[in-house]
Amino acid sequence: MNRKLLYIEDDEIDVLAMRRVLFHFPDIELNLCESFKELKKMDLSEFSVIFSDSNLPDADYKALSAYLPLNKTHFVSGTIREGVLAKPVKKEELESIFSFNKNIDLNYIKEISDGDILYEKDI
């Protein structure tokens, strides 16, 4: 499964730090955006997850949070604040956000399928 990440960041060092963490996740496709002006030209529905700096040269947190889809946006900042991830984003945070460690109880699926193999495969 290919996962698309949009990283809205104007600082090259922070972009390099994200690339380093993403080395552990080859199925995540990184897309970069450096400004609010550039962001407004993008189709945000293409992305599974969006990480956004909370402060860009042409937009602040208030403008970004009003524009971005909050159901898949995670704000990042060099300043520790409630509800905002601290830069650099850690491997464990990416795992959690992209839900890499989902545990599925296969016995439960067998139980609810009532012996229907096609149902089990669909699930």
Protein backbone atom coordinates (compact mmCIF):
# COMPACT_ATOMS: atom_id res chain seq x y z
CA MET A 1 0.00 0.00 0.00
CA ASN A 2 1.40 3.37 -1.00
CA ARG A 3 0.87 6.15 1.51
CA LYS A 4 1.23 9.79 0.56
CA LEU A 5 2.52 12.32 3.06
CA LEU A 6 2.41 16.05 2.44
CA TYR A 7 4.98 17.92 4.50
CA ILE A 8 4.43 21.68 4.58
CA GLU A 9 7.76 23.06 5.75
CA ASP A 10 9.98 25.97 4.76
CA ASP A 11 13.10 24.97 6.72
CA GLU A 12 15.56 22.73 4.85
CA ILE A 13 17.01 21.22 8.04
CA ASP A 14 13.56 20.08 9.17
CA VAL A 15 12.90 18.60 5.72
CA LEU A 16 16.18 16.66 5.92
CA ALA A 17 15.22 15.37 9.38
CA MET A 18 11.87 14.14 8.00
CA ARG A 19 13.61 12.42 5.08
CA ARG A 20 15.89 10.66 7.55
CA VAL A 21 12.95 9.30 9.58
CA LEU A 22 11.11 8.27 6.42
CA PHE A 23 14.08 6.09 5.45
CA HIS A 24 12.47 3.50 7.79
CA PHE A 25 9.20 3.62 5.82
CA PRO A 26 9.84 3.04 2.10
CA ASP A 27 6.11 2.83 1.34
CA ILE A 28 5.52 6.46 2.37
CA GLU A 29 5.78 8.88 -0.53
CA LEU A 30 6.97 12.31 0.65
CA ASN A 31 5.60 15.41 -1.05
CA LEU A 32 6.91 18.83 -0.05
CA CYS A 33 5.33 22.25 0.04
CA GLU A 34 7.17 25.38 1.23
CA SER A 35 4.48 28.06 1.34
CA PHE A 36 0.79 28.77 1.78
CA LYS A 37 0.68 30.15 -1.74
CA GLU A 38 1.99 26.83 -3.08
CA LEU A 39 -0.34 24.88 -0.78
CA LYS A 40 -3.45 26.55 -2.21
CA LYS A 41 -2.58 25.10 -5.65
CA MET A 42 -2.51 21.50 -4.36
CA ASP A 43 -5.25 18.86 -4.25
CA LEU A 44 -5.19 17.91 -0.57
CA SER A 45 -7.44 14.90 -1.12
CA GLU A 46 -4.45 13.07 -2.65
CA PHE A 47 -2.69 12.77 0.70
CA SER A 48 -3.18 10.21 3.47
CA VAL A 49 -1.54 12.43 6.08
CA ILE A 50 -0.45 16.07 6.20
CA PHE A 51 2.25 17.44 8.47
CA SER A 52 2.39 21.21 8.57
CA ASP A 53 4.77 23.62 10.20
CA SER A 54 2.66 25.85 12.39
CA ASN A 55 4.29 29.00 11.08
CA LEU A 56 5.22 29.72 7.45
CA PRO A 57 6.53 32.98 5.99
CA ASP A 58 3.14 33.65 4.36
CA ALA A 59 0.75 31.99 6.87
CA ASP A 60 0.43 31.38 10.58
CA TYR A 61 -1.19 28.55 12.55
CA LYS A 62 -4.61 30.23 12.45
CA ALA A 63 -4.63 30.54 8.64
CA LEU A 64 -3.26 27.03 8.14
CA SER A 65 -5.69 25.39 10.55
CA ALA A 66 -8.60 27.17 8.83
CA TYR A 67 -7.48 25.90 5.41
CA LEU A 68 -6.17 22.38 6.03
CA PRO A 69 -8.40 19.31 6.58
CA LEU A 70 -7.98 18.81 10.31
CA ASN A 71 -8.98 15.13 10.19
CA LYS A 72 -5.63 14.26 8.57
CA THR A 73 -3.41 17.22 9.49
CA HIS A 74 -0.79 17.17 12.23
CA PHE A 75 0.94 20.41 13.10
CA VAL A 76 4.63 20.41 13.97
CA SER A 77 6.70 23.08 15.64
CA GLY A 78 10.11 23.70 17.13
CA THR A 79 8.26 25.08 20.16
CA ILE A 80 6.55 22.55 22.41
CA ARG A 81 2.80 23.24 22.53
CA GLU A 82 -0.24 21.18 23.41
CA GLY A 83 -1.72 19.43 20.37
CA VAL A 84 1.36 20.09 18.22
CA LEU A 85 4.11 17.56 17.53
CA ALA A 86 7.64 18.65 18.39
CA LYS A 87 10.19 18.74 15.58
CA PRO A 88 11.79 16.54 14.51
CA VAL A 89 8.98 14.01 14.16
CA LYS A 90 10.02 10.67 15.64
CA LYS A 91 9.76 7.23 14.05
CA GLU A 92 7.27 6.11 16.71
CA GLU A 93 5.01 9.07 15.99
CA LEU A 94 4.95 8.19 12.28
CA GLU A 95 4.14 4.57 13.12
CA SER A 96 1.26 5.68 15.29
CA ILE A 97 -0.12 8.20 12.80
CA PHE A 98 0.08 5.86 9.82
CA SER A 99 -1.18 2.94 11.98
CA PHE A 100 1.57 0.55 11.01
CA ASN A 101 1.11 -1.58 14.09
CA LYS A 102 -2.52 -2.57 13.74
CA ASN A 103 -3.22 -5.85 15.48
CA ILE A 104 -6.08 -7.77 13.94
CA ASP A 105 -7.61 -10.70 15.76
CA LEU A 106 -7.95 -13.29 12.98
CA ASN A 107 -9.78 -15.68 15.30
CA TYR A 108 -12.53 -13.11 15.73
CA ILE A 109 -12.88 -12.80 11.94
CA LYS A 110 -13.22 -16.59 11.66
CA GLU A 111 -15.82 -16.54 14.41
CA ILE A 112 -18.02 -13.87 12.83
CA SER A 113 -17.69 -15.36 9.33
CA ASP A 114 -19.56 -18.50 10.45
CA GLY A 115 -17.40 -20.62 8.12
CA ASP A 116 -17.86 -18.39 5.05
CA ILE A 117 -14.37 -18.41 3.47
CA LEU A 118 -15.25 -15.68 0.96
CA TYR A 119 -16.35 -13.41 3.81
CA GLU A 120 -13.05 -14.05 5.62
CA LYS A 121 -11.07 -13.13 2.48
CA ASP A 122 -13.12 -9.96 2.00
CA ILE A 123 -12.48 -8.87 5.56
